[in-house]
Amino acid sequence: SEAEIHELIAKKVLPHSNPMSNVLVFD
């Protein structure tokens, strides 16, 4: 779910980058 993804991002478990505020990028 979207909530699960945000939780994984907050825990720094899911690889992502945040080049600008409110922009998430996934390789």
PDB file of all heavy atoms in Angstrom:
ATOM      1  N   SER A   1       0.852  -1.184   0.000  1.00  0.00           N
ATOM      2  CA  SER A   1       0.000   0.000   0.000  1.00  0.00           C
ATOM      3  C   SER A   1       0.891   1.239   0.000  1.00  0.00           C
ATOM      4  O   SER A   1       2.103   1.159   0.268  1.00  0.00           O
ATOM      5  CB  SER A   1      -0.896   0.015   1.237  1.00  0.00           C
ATOM      6  OG  SER A   1      -0.112   0.242   2.401  1.00  0.00           O
ATOM      7  N   GLU A   2       0.293   2.371  -0.264  1.00  0.00           N
ATOM      8  CA  GLU A   2       1.045   3.620  -0.230  1.00  0.00           C
ATOM      9  C   GLU A   2       1.607   3.859   1.174  1.00  0.00           C
ATOM     10  O   GLU A   2       2.751   4.279   1.334  1.00  0.00           O
ATOM     11  CB  GLU A   2       0.146   4.782  -0.669  1.00  0.00           C
ATOM     12  CG  GLU A   2       0.902   6.046  -0.943  1.00  0.00           C
ATOM     13  CD  GLU A   2       0.084   7.076  -1.681  1.00  0.00           C
ATOM     14  OE1 GLU A   2      -0.927   6.739  -2.317  1.00  0.00           O
ATOM     15  OE2 GLU A   2       0.482   8.255  -1.598  1.00  0.00           O
ATOM     16  N   ALA A   3       0.825   3.550   2.195  1.00  0.00           N
ATOM     17  CA  ALA A   3       1.283   3.719   3.580  1.00  0.00           C
ATOM     18  C   ALA A   3       2.486   2.822   3.875  1.00  0.00           C
ATOM     19  O   ALA A   3       3.440   3.250   4.535  1.00  0.00           O
ATOM     20  CB  ALA A   3       0.141   3.431   4.550  1.00  0.00           C
ATOM     21  N   GLU A   4       2.456   1.586   3.383  1.00  0.00           N
ATOM     22  CA  GLU A   4       3.580   0.672   3.596  1.00  0.00           C
ATOM     23  C   GLU A   4       4.848   1.192   2.912  1.00  0.00           C
ATOM     24  O   GLU A   4       5.941   1.110   3.480  1.00  0.00           O
ATOM     25  CB  GLU A   4       3.253  -0.724   3.070  1.00  0.00           C
ATOM     26  CG  GLU A   4       2.231  -1.458   3.902  1.00  0.00           C
ATOM     27  CD  GLU A   4       1.780  -2.762   3.279  1.00  0.00           C
ATOM     28  OE1 GLU A   4       1.495  -2.788   2.052  1.00  0.00           O
ATOM     29  OE2 GLU A   4       1.713  -3.755   4.013  1.00  0.00           O
ATOM     30  N   ILE A   5       4.698   1.714   1.708  1.00  0.00           N
ATOM     31  CA  ILE A   5       5.849   2.265   0.989  1.00  0.00           C
ATOM     32  C   ILE A   5       6.443   3.437   1.766  1.00  0.00           C
ATOM     33  O   ILE A   5       7.653   3.514   1.969  1.00  0.00           O
ATOM     34  CB  ILE A   5       5.462   2.701  -0.446  1.00  0.00           C
ATOM     35  CG1 ILE A   5       5.038   1.500  -1.281  1.00  0.00           C
ATOM     36  CG2 ILE A   5       6.599   3.487  -1.109  1.00  0.00           C
ATOM     37  CD1 ILE A   5       6.116   0.498  -1.571  1.00  0.00           C
ATOM     38  N   HIS A   6       5.584   4.332   2.235  1.00  0.00           N
ATOM     39  CA  HIS A   6       6.080   5.482   2.992  1.00  0.00           C
ATOM     40  C   HIS A   6       6.759   5.043   4.287  1.00  0.00           C
ATOM     41  O   HIS A   6       7.763   5.640   4.705  1.00  0.00           O
ATOM     42  CB  HIS A   6       4.952   6.478   3.265  1.00  0.00           C
ATOM     43  CG  HIS A   6       4.589   7.279   2.060  1.00  0.00           C
ATOM     44  ND1 HIS A   6       5.426   8.231   1.507  1.00  0.00           N
ATOM     45  CD2 HIS A   6       3.496   7.260   1.277  1.00  0.00           C
ATOM     46  CE1 HIS A   6       4.851   8.763   0.450  1.00  0.00           C
ATOM     47  NE2 HIS A   6       3.675   8.186   0.283  1.00  0.00           N
ATOM     48  N   GLU A   7       6.257   4.005   4.915  1.00  0.00           N
ATOM     49  CA  GLU A   7       6.879   3.480   6.127  1.00  0.00           C
ATOM     50  C   GLU A   7       8.268   2.914   5.818  1.00  0.00           C
ATOM     51  O   GLU A   7       9.229   3.156   6.558  1.00  0.00           O
ATOM     52  CB  GLU A   7       5.998   2.396   6.747  1.00  0.00           C
ATOM     53  CG  GLU A   7       6.537   1.847   8.042  1.00  0.00           C
ATOM     54  CD  GLU A   7       5.618   0.815   8.664  1.00  0.00           C
ATOM     55  OE1 GLU A   7       4.389   0.895   8.472  1.00  0.00           O
ATOM     56  OE2 GLU A   7       6.141  -0.079   9.342  1.00  0.00           O
ATOM     57  N   LEU A   8       8.385   2.172   4.711  1.00  0.00           N
ATOM     58  CA  LEU A   8       9.682   1.621   4.310  1.00  0.00           C
ATOM     59  C   LEU A   8      10.676   2.730   3.964  1.00  0.00           C
ATOM     60  O   LEU A   8      11.870   2.619   4.265  1.00  0.00           O
ATOM     61  CB  LEU A   8       9.512   0.665   3.126  1.00  0.00           C
ATOM     62  CG  LEU A   8       8.765  -0.623   3.437  1.00  0.00           C
ATOM     63  CD1 LEU A   8       8.426  -1.363   2.143  1.00  0.00           C
ATOM     64  CD2 LEU A   8       9.564  -1.509   4.374  1.00  0.00           C
ATOM     65  N   ILE A   9      10.187   3.793   3.361  1.00  0.00           N
ATOM     66  CA  ILE A   9      11.041   4.941   3.046  1.00  0.00           C
ATOM     67  C   ILE A   9      11.498   5.608   4.342  1.00  0.00           C
ATOM     68  O   ILE A   9      12.680   5.917   4.509  1.00  0.00           O
ATOM     69  CB  ILE A   9      10.310   5.939   2.132  1.00  0.00           C
ATOM     70  CG1 ILE A   9      10.128   5.330   0.732  1.00  0.00           C
ATOM     71  CG2 ILE A   9      11.047   7.271   2.061  1.00  0.00           C
ATOM     72  CD1 ILE A   9       9.187   6.096  -0.160  1.00  0.00           C
ATOM     73  N   ALA A  10      10.575   5.812   5.275  1.00  0.00           N
ATOM     74  CA  ALA A  10      10.913   6.456   6.547  1.00  0.00           C
ATOM     75  C   ALA A  10      11.936   5.638   7.332  1.00  0.00           C
ATOM     76  O   ALA A  10      12.821   6.204   7.993  1.00  0.00           O
ATOM     77  CB  ALA A  10       9.649   6.665   7.379  1.00  0.00           C
ATOM     78  N   LYS A  11      11.835   4.321   7.236  1.00  0.00           N
ATOM     79  CA  LYS A  11      12.785   3.440   7.925  1.00  0.00           C
ATOM     80  C   LYS A  11      14.092   3.275   7.156  1.00  0.00           C
ATOM     81  O   LYS A  11      14.998   2.582   7.597  1.00  0.00           O
ATOM     82  CB  LYS A  11      12.160   2.062   8.137  1.00  0.00           C
ATOM     83  CG  LYS A  11      11.043   2.060   9.146  1.00  0.00           C
ATOM     84  CD  LYS A  11      10.474   0.660   9.301  1.00  0.00           C
ATOM     85  CE  LYS A  11       9.395   0.615  10.344  1.00  0.00           C
ATOM     86  NZ  LYS A  11       8.836  -0.751  10.461  1.00  0.00           N
ATOM     87  N   LYS A  12      14.169   3.903   5.969  1.00  0.00           N
ATOM     88  CA  LYS A  12      15.347   3.827   5.095  1.00  0.00           C
ATOM     89  C   LYS A  12      15.656   2.392   4.684  1.00  0.00           C
ATOM     90  O   LYS A  12      16.815   1.998   4.564  1.00  0.00           O
ATOM     91  CB  LYS A  12      16.544   4.502   5.747  1.00  0.00           C
ATOM     92  CG  LYS A  12      16.277   5.963   5.999  1.00  0.00           C
ATOM     93  CD  LYS A  12      17.451   6.678   6.559  1.00  0.00           C
ATOM     94  CE  LYS A  12      17.007   8.114   6.774  1.00  0.00           C
ATOM     95  NZ  LYS A  12      18.049   9.003   7.050  1.00  0.00           N
ATOM     96  N   VAL A  13      14.596   1.630   4.441  1.00  0.00           N
ATOM     97  CA  VAL A  13      14.720   0.241   4.012  1.00  0.00           C
ATOM     98  C   VAL A  13      14.603   0.144   2.490  1.00  0.00           C
ATOM     99  O   VAL A  13      15.261  -0.670   1.870  1.00  0.00           O
ATOM    100  CB  VAL A  13      13.628  -0.624   4.689  1.00  0.00           C
ATOM    101  CG1 VAL A  13      13.623  -2.034   4.153  1.00  0.00           C
ATOM    102  CG2 VAL A  13      13.816  -0.608   6.199  1.00  0.00           C
ATOM    103  N   LEU A  14      13.792   0.969   1.912  1.00  0.00           N
ATOM    104  CA  LEU A  14      13.508   0.932   0.476  1.00  0.00           C
ATOM    105  C   LEU A  14      14.453   1.889  -0.251  1.00  0.00           C
ATOM    106  O   LEU A  14      14.518   3.080   0.091  1.00  0.00           O
ATOM    107  CB  LEU A  14      12.053   1.352   0.230  1.00  0.00           C
ATOM    108  CG  LEU A  14      11.551   1.303  -1.189  1.00  0.00           C
ATOM    109  CD1 LEU A  14      11.529  -0.132  -1.713  1.00  0.00           C
ATOM    110  CD2 LEU A  14      10.149   1.895  -1.261  1.00  0.00           C
ATOM    111  N   PRO A  15      15.231   1.392  -1.242  1.00  0.00           N
ATOM    112  CA  PRO A  15      16.163   2.282  -1.947  1.00  0.00           C
ATOM    113  C   PRO A  15      15.416   3.351  -2.731  1.00  0.00           C
ATOM    114  O   PRO A  15      14.492   3.061  -3.488  1.00  0.00           O
ATOM    115  CB  PRO A  15      16.930   1.349  -2.881  1.00  0.00           C
ATOM    116  CG  PRO A  15      16.273   0.031  -2.834  1.00  0.00           C
ATOM    117  CD  PRO A  15      15.278   0.024  -1.731  1.00  0.00           C
ATOM    118  N   HIS A  16      15.822   4.592  -2.523  1.00  0.00           N
ATOM    119  CA  HIS A  16      15.206   5.728  -3.201  1.00  0.00           C
ATOM    120  C   HIS A  16      16.138   6.922  -3.098  1.00  0.00           C
ATOM    121  O   HIS A  16      17.110   6.903  -2.360  1.00  0.00           O
ATOM    122  CB  HIS A  16      13.861   6.072  -2.552  1.00  0.00           C
ATOM    123  CG  HIS A  16      13.991   6.647  -1.185  1.00  0.00           C
ATOM    124  ND1 HIS A  16      14.301   5.861  -0.086  1.00  0.00           N
ATOM    125  CD2 HIS A  16      13.907   7.918  -0.728  1.00  0.00           C
ATOM    126  CE1 HIS A  16      14.377   6.629   0.982  1.00  0.00           C
ATOM    127  NE2 HIS A  16      14.143   7.884   0.624  1.00  0.00           N
ATOM    128  N   SER A  17      15.829   7.944  -3.841  1.00  0.00           N
ATOM    129  CA  SER A  17      16.510   9.222  -3.675  1.00  0.00           C
ATOM    130  C   SER A  17      15.442  10.306  -3.610  1.00  0.00           C
ATOM    131  O   SER A  17      14.303  10.109  -4.039  1.00  0.00           O
ATOM    132  CB  SER A  17      17.505   9.495  -4.807  1.00  0.00           C
ATOM    133  OG  SER A  17      16.852   9.563  -6.040  1.00  0.00           O
ATOM    134  N   ASN A  18      15.826  11.413  -3.027  1.00  0.00           N
ATOM    135  CA  ASN A  18      14.912  12.525  -2.847  1.00  0.00           C
ATOM    136  C   ASN A  18      15.643  13.786  -3.292  1.00  0.00           C
ATOM    137  O   ASN A  18      16.109  14.559  -2.461  1.00  0.00           O
ATOM    138  CB  ASN A  18      14.509  12.598  -1.369  1.00  0.00           C
ATOM    139  CG  ASN A  18      13.379  13.546  -1.122  1.00  0.00           C
ATOM    140  OD1 ASN A  18      13.254  14.545  -1.797  1.00  0.00           O
ATOM    141  ND2 ASN A  18      12.572  13.238  -0.143  1.00  0.00           N
ATOM    142  N   PRO A  19      15.755  13.994  -4.632  1.00  0.00           N
ATOM    143  CA  PRO A  19      16.571  15.096  -5.139  1.00  0.00           C
ATOM    144  C   PRO A  19      16.006  16.483  -4.832  1.00  0.00           C
ATOM    145  O   PRO A  19      16.746  17.444  -4.767  1.00  0.00           O
ATOM    146  CB  PRO A  19      16.634  14.842  -6.640  1.00  0.00           C
ATOM    147  CG  PRO A  19      15.423  14.029  -6.933  1.00  0.00           C
ATOM    148  CD  PRO A  19      15.160  13.213  -5.696  1.00  0.00           C
ATOM    149  N   MET A  20      14.690  16.567  -4.650  1.00  0.00           N
ATOM    150  CA  MET A  20      14.037  17.836  -4.312  1.00  0.00           C
ATOM    151  C   MET A  20      12.913  17.531  -3.327  1.00  0.00           C
ATOM    152  O   MET A  20      12.442  16.398  -3.255  1.00  0.00           O
ATOM    153  CB  MET A  20      13.438  18.493  -5.556  1.00  0.00           C
ATOM    154  CG  MET A  20      14.452  18.930  -6.582  1.00  0.00           C
ATOM    155  SD  MET A  20      13.710  19.770  -7.984  1.00  0.00           S
ATOM    156  CE  MET A  20      12.815  18.445  -8.771  1.00  0.00           C
ATOM    157  N   SER A  21      12.508  18.531  -2.615  1.00  0.00           N
ATOM    158  CA  SER A  21      11.403  18.371  -1.679  1.00  0.00           C
ATOM    159  C   SER A  21      10.179  17.815  -2.407  1.00  0.00           C
ATOM    160  O   SER A  21       9.845  18.250  -3.509  1.00  0.00           O
ATOM    161  CB  SER A  21      11.059  19.727  -1.060  1.00  0.00           C
ATOM    162  OG  SER A  21       9.995  19.589  -0.158  1.00  0.00           O
ATOM    163  N   ASN A  22       9.549  16.812  -1.816  1.00  0.00           N
ATOM    164  CA  ASN A  22       8.333  16.194  -2.356  1.00  0.00           C
ATOM    165  C   ASN A  22       8.539  15.433  -3.659  1.00  0.00           C
ATOM    166  O   ASN A  22       7.569  15.179  -4.373  1.00  0.00           O
ATOM    167  CB  ASN A  22       7.207  17.220  -2.532  1.00  0.00           C
ATOM    168  CG  ASN A  22       6.791  17.819  -1.218  1.00  0.00           C
ATOM    169  OD1 ASN A  22       6.800  17.138  -0.193  1.00  0.00           O
ATOM    170  ND2 ASN A  22       6.448  19.085  -1.224  1.00  0.00           N
ATOM    171  N   VAL A  23       9.787  15.093  -3.994  1.00  0.00           N
ATOM    172  CA  VAL A  23      10.060  14.299  -5.190  1.00  0.00           C
ATOM    173  C   VAL A  23      10.822  13.050  -4.766  1.00  0.00           C
ATOM    174  O   VAL A  23      11.905  13.140  -4.209  1.00  0.00           O
ATOM    175  CB  VAL A  23      10.895  15.086  -6.229  1.00  0.00           C
ATOM    176  CG1 VAL A  23      11.256  14.199  -7.406  1.00  0.00           C
ATOM    177  CG2 VAL A  23      10.150  16.328  -6.692  1.00  0.00           C
ATOM    178  N   LEU A  24      10.220  11.898  -5.021  1.00  0.00           N
ATOM    179  CA  LEU A  24      10.878  10.625  -4.744  1.00  0.00           C
ATOM    180  C   LEU A  24      11.217   9.960  -6.064  1.00  0.00           C
ATOM    181  O   LEU A  24      10.389   9.912  -6.976  1.00  0.00           O
ATOM    182  CB  LEU A  24       9.964   9.710  -3.930  1.00  0.00           C
ATOM    183  CG  LEU A  24       9.710  10.142  -2.495  1.00  0.00           C
ATOM    184  CD1 LEU A  24       8.608   9.293  -1.884  1.00  0.00           C
ATOM    185  CD2 LEU A  24      10.972  10.028  -1.679  1.00  0.00           C
ATOM    186  N   VAL A  25      12.440   9.445  -6.157  1.00  0.00           N
ATOM    187  CA  VAL A  25      12.906   8.785  -7.366  1.00  0.00           C
ATOM    188  C   VAL A  25      13.363   7.385  -6.983  1.00  0.00           C
ATOM    189  O   VAL A  25      14.080   7.204  -5.998  1.00  0.00           O
ATOM    190  CB  VAL A  25      14.063   9.577  -8.020  1.00  0.00           C
ATOM    191  CG1 VAL A  25      14.588   8.849  -9.249  1.00  0.00           C
ATOM    192  CG2 VAL A  25      13.615  10.982  -8.364  1.00  0.00           C
ATOM    193  N   PHE A  26      12.933   6.407  -7.777  1.00  0.00           N
ATOM    194  CA  PHE A  26      13.275   5.013  -7.541  1.00  0.00           C
ATOM    195  C   PHE A  26      14.004   4.474  -8.758  1.00  0.00           C
ATOM    196  O   PHE A  26      13.513   4.591  -9.878  1.00  0.00           O
ATOM    197  CB  PHE A  26      12.015   4.184  -7.281  1.00  0.00           C
ATOM    198  CG  PHE A  26      11.207   4.699  -6.130  1.00  0.00           C
ATOM    199  CD1 PHE A  26      10.131   5.548  -6.339  1.00  0.00           C
ATOM    200  CD2 PHE A  26      11.521   4.345  -4.835  1.00  0.00           C
ATOM    201  CE1 PHE A  26       9.383   6.026  -5.284  1.00  0.00           C
ATOM    202  CE2 PHE A  26      10.791   4.818  -3.758  1.00  0.00           C
ATOM    203  CZ  PHE A  26       9.712   5.659  -3.987  1.00  0.00           C
ATOM    204  N   ASP A  27      15.176   3.900  -8.545  1.00  0.00           N
ATOM    205  CA  ASP A  27      15.948   3.265  -9.602  1.00  0.00           C
ATOM    206  C   ASP A  27      15.482   1.811  -9.678  1.00  0.00           C
ATOM    207  O   ASP A  27      15.595   1.075  -8.695  1.00  0.00           O
ATOM    208  CB  ASP A  27      17.431   3.347  -9.250  1.00  0.00           C
ATOM    209  CG  ASP A  27      18.325   2.714 -10.290  1.00  0.00           C
ATOM    210  OD1 ASP A  27      18.019   1.586 -10.751  1.00  0.00           O
ATOM    211  OD2 ASP A  27      19.344   3.324 -10.625  1.00  0.00           O
TER     212      ASP A  27
END
